[in-house]
Amino acid sequence: MGFLDRLFGNDHQRADRYEGRESASDQAARRRREGHRRSIPKAAAKGQAWEDRDRQRRR
């Protein structure tokens, strides 16, 4: 049990009091997952650019 849980209580239990609200830890986890998904197209574009440069260099 973390310090904030002892101070404020479990955020899942507090979120259950309100209909349709997600807990703070669930919200943080969702945002972290969304951040990983946003970086995938950038990484793919960088990889494709590297591949194109490599092919040009070999010609």
Protein backbone atom coordinates (compact mmCIF):
# COMPACT_ATOMS: atom_id res chain seq x y z
CA MET A 1 0.00 0.00 0.00
CA GLY A 2 1.50 3.29 -1.07
CA PHE A 3 1.65 6.53 0.84
CA LEU A 4 -1.12 8.17 -1.17
CA ASP A 5 -3.37 5.15 -0.69
CA ARG A 6 -2.93 5.47 3.07
CA LEU A 7 -3.54 9.20 2.89
CA PHE A 8 -6.51 9.30 0.50
CA GLY A 9 -7.70 5.69 0.28
CA ASN A 10 -7.82 3.36 -2.70
CA ASP A 11 -8.56 5.29 -5.89
CA HIS A 12 -10.54 2.37 -7.33
CA GLN A 13 -12.88 2.45 -4.36
CA ARG A 14 -13.27 6.22 -4.60
CA ALA A 15 -14.00 6.02 -8.34
CA ASP A 16 -16.73 3.41 -7.70
CA ARG A 17 -18.69 6.07 -5.84
CA TYR A 18 -19.22 7.99 -9.08
CA GLU A 19 -21.06 6.41 -11.98
CA GLY A 20 -19.01 6.20 -15.18
CA ARG A 21 -15.72 7.49 -13.67
CA GLU A 22 -12.44 5.64 -14.02
CA SER A 23 -9.87 5.56 -11.25
CA ALA A 24 -6.75 7.68 -11.43
CA SER A 25 -4.51 4.64 -11.84
CA ASP A 26 -6.70 3.26 -14.65
CA GLN A 27 -6.62 6.64 -16.37
CA ALA A 28 -2.82 6.82 -16.07
CA ALA A 29 -2.47 3.31 -17.48
CA ARG A 30 -4.78 4.14 -20.40
CA ARG A 31 -2.82 7.29 -21.24
CA ARG A 32 0.46 5.36 -21.05
CA ARG A 33 -0.88 2.75 -23.51
CA GLU A 34 -2.15 5.46 -25.85
CA GLY A 35 1.27 7.12 -25.80
CA HIS A 36 2.89 3.90 -27.00
CA ARG A 37 0.42 3.63 -29.86
CA ARG A 38 1.14 7.18 -31.00
CA SER A 39 4.84 6.45 -31.36
CA ILE A 40 4.37 3.44 -33.68
CA PRO A 41 3.73 5.45 -36.90
CA LYS A 42 6.73 7.68 -36.16
CA ALA A 43 9.00 4.68 -35.70
CA ALA A 44 7.66 3.07 -38.88
CA ALA A 45 8.29 6.26 -40.86
CA LYS A 46 11.85 6.49 -39.55
CA GLY A 47 12.48 2.85 -40.45
CA GLN A 48 11.10 3.34 -43.94
CA ALA A 49 13.23 6.45 -44.46
CA TRP A 50 16.32 4.51 -43.36
CA GLU A 51 15.43 1.69 -45.76
CA ASP A 52 14.98 4.13 -48.65
CA ARG A 53 18.35 5.81 -47.94
CA ASP A 54 20.04 2.42 -47.71
CA ARG A 55 18.63 1.34 -51.08
CA GLN A 56 19.70 4.61 -52.70
CA ARG A 57 23.19 4.21 -51.31
CA ARG A 58 23.49 0.65 -52.71
CA ARG A 59 22.49 1.73 -56.24
